[in-house]
Amino acid sequence: MEDLSAELRKIPPQQIEAEQSLLGGIMVDSLGLPSALEVLKRS
């Protein structure tokens, strides 16, 4: 339950356009999801 509480306290996305672009790209080509996750984990 503590993990859920920590997740709920996170700051919401600050770059809506970037999030929309990422999600749109994944919708167009779902094979790109693993690459996108690697980039997101590093940032």
N, C-alpha and C. Protein backbone atom coordinates (compact mmCIF):
# COMPACT_ATOMS: atom_id res chain seq x y z
N MET A 1 0.82 -1.20 0.00
CA MET A 1 0.00 0.00 0.00
C MET A 1 0.86 1.26 0.00
N GLU A 2 2.06 1.18 0.59
CA GLU A 2 2.94 2.35 0.62
C GLU A 2 3.37 2.74 -0.79
N ASP A 3 3.59 1.75 -1.65
CA ASP A 3 3.99 2.04 -3.02
C ASP A 3 2.91 2.84 -3.74
N LEU A 4 1.66 2.50 -3.52
CA LEU A 4 0.56 3.21 -4.15
C LEU A 4 0.52 4.65 -3.66
N SER A 5 0.73 4.88 -2.39
CA SER A 5 0.73 6.23 -1.84
C SER A 5 1.84 7.07 -2.46
N ALA A 6 3.01 6.49 -2.64
CA ALA A 6 4.13 7.20 -3.26
C ALA A 6 3.80 7.55 -4.71
N GLU A 7 3.17 6.64 -5.42
CA GLU A 7 2.80 6.89 -6.81
C GLU A 7 1.80 8.04 -6.91
N LEU A 8 0.87 8.10 -5.99
CA LEU A 8 -0.16 9.14 -6.03
C LEU A 8 0.39 10.52 -5.73
N ARG A 9 1.53 10.60 -5.04
CA ARG A 9 2.13 11.89 -4.70
C ARG A 9 3.04 12.43 -5.81
N LYS A 10 3.26 11.66 -6.85
CA LYS A 10 4.14 12.12 -7.92
C LYS A 10 3.54 13.32 -8.64
N ILE A 11 4.41 14.14 -9.17
CA ILE A 11 3.98 15.33 -9.92
C ILE A 11 3.41 14.88 -11.26
N PRO A 12 2.26 15.43 -11.66
CA PRO A 12 1.68 15.07 -12.95
C PRO A 12 2.58 15.53 -14.10
N PRO A 13 2.34 15.01 -15.29
CA PRO A 13 3.17 15.39 -16.44
C PRO A 13 3.20 16.90 -16.64
N GLN A 14 4.37 17.41 -16.98
CA GLN A 14 4.54 18.84 -17.18
C GLN A 14 4.65 19.21 -18.65
N GLN A 15 4.87 18.24 -19.50
CA GLN A 15 5.00 18.48 -20.94
C GLN A 15 3.94 17.65 -21.66
N ILE A 16 2.75 18.18 -21.70
CA ILE A 16 1.61 17.46 -22.27
C ILE A 16 1.89 17.08 -23.73
N GLU A 17 2.48 18.00 -24.50
CA GLU A 17 2.75 17.71 -25.91
C GLU A 17 3.70 16.53 -26.07
N ALA A 18 4.71 16.45 -25.21
CA ALA A 18 5.66 15.34 -25.28
C ALA A 18 4.97 14.02 -24.94
N GLU A 19 4.11 14.04 -23.95
CA GLU A 19 3.39 12.83 -23.58
C GLU A 19 2.46 12.40 -24.71
N GLN A 20 1.77 13.35 -25.31
CA GLN A 20 0.88 13.03 -26.43
C GLN A 20 1.65 12.45 -27.60
N SER A 21 2.82 13.00 -27.88
CA SER A 21 3.64 12.49 -28.98
C SER A 21 4.10 11.06 -28.71
N LEU A 22 4.53 10.81 -27.50
CA LEU A 22 4.99 9.48 -27.14
C LEU A 22 3.85 8.46 -27.26
N LEU A 23 2.71 8.79 -26.68
CA LEU A 23 1.57 7.87 -26.74
C LEU A 23 1.08 7.66 -28.17
N GLY A 24 1.07 8.73 -28.96
CA GLY A 24 0.66 8.61 -30.36
C GLY A 24 1.61 7.73 -31.14
N GLY A 25 2.91 7.89 -30.90
CA GLY A 25 3.89 7.05 -31.59
C GLY A 25 3.74 5.59 -31.24
N ILE A 26 3.46 5.31 -29.99
CA ILE A 26 3.25 3.92 -29.56
C ILE A 26 1.99 3.35 -30.19
N MET A 27 0.97 4.18 -30.35
CA MET A 27 -0.27 3.71 -30.98
C MET A 27 -0.04 3.39 -32.45
N VAL A 28 0.82 4.15 -33.12
CA VAL A 28 1.10 3.92 -34.53
C VAL A 28 1.94 2.66 -34.70
N ASP A 29 2.94 2.47 -33.83
CA ASP A 29 3.83 1.32 -33.95
C ASP A 29 4.14 0.80 -32.55
N SER A 30 3.38 -0.19 -32.12
CA SER A 30 3.54 -0.70 -30.75
C SER A 30 4.89 -1.39 -30.54
N LEU A 31 5.59 -1.72 -31.60
CA LEU A 31 6.91 -2.34 -31.45
C LEU A 31 7.93 -1.34 -30.90
N GLY A 32 7.60 -0.07 -30.94
CA GLY A 32 8.49 0.95 -30.41
C GLY A 32 8.39 1.12 -28.90
N LEU A 33 7.45 0.46 -28.28
CA LEU A 33 7.25 0.60 -26.83
C LEU A 33 8.49 0.23 -26.02
N PRO A 34 9.15 -0.89 -26.28
CA PRO A 34 10.35 -1.21 -25.48
C PRO A 34 11.43 -0.12 -25.57
N SER A 35 11.62 0.44 -26.75
CA SER A 35 12.61 1.51 -26.90
C SER A 35 12.20 2.74 -26.11
N ALA A 36 10.93 3.08 -26.18
CA ALA A 36 10.43 4.25 -25.45
C ALA A 36 10.59 4.05 -23.94
N LEU A 37 10.33 2.85 -23.46
CA LEU A 37 10.47 2.58 -22.03
C LEU A 37 11.92 2.70 -21.57
N GLU A 38 12.85 2.28 -22.40
CA GLU A 38 14.27 2.41 -22.05
C GLU A 38 14.66 3.88 -21.89
N VAL A 39 14.19 4.72 -22.81
CA VAL A 39 14.50 6.15 -22.74
C VAL A 39 13.87 6.76 -21.50
N LEU A 40 12.64 6.39 -21.21
CA LEU A 40 11.95 6.96 -20.06
C LEU A 40 12.59 6.52 -18.75
N LYS A 41 13.07 5.31 -18.67
CA LYS A 41 13.72 4.83 -17.45
C LYS A 41 15.00 5.60 -17.16
N ARG A 42 15.70 6.03 -18.20
CA ARG A 42 16.96 6.76 -18.02
C ARG A 42 16.73 8.20 -17.59
N SER A 43 15.54 8.73 -17.85
CA SER A 43 15.31 10.15 -17.54
C SER A 43 14.63 10.36 -16.21
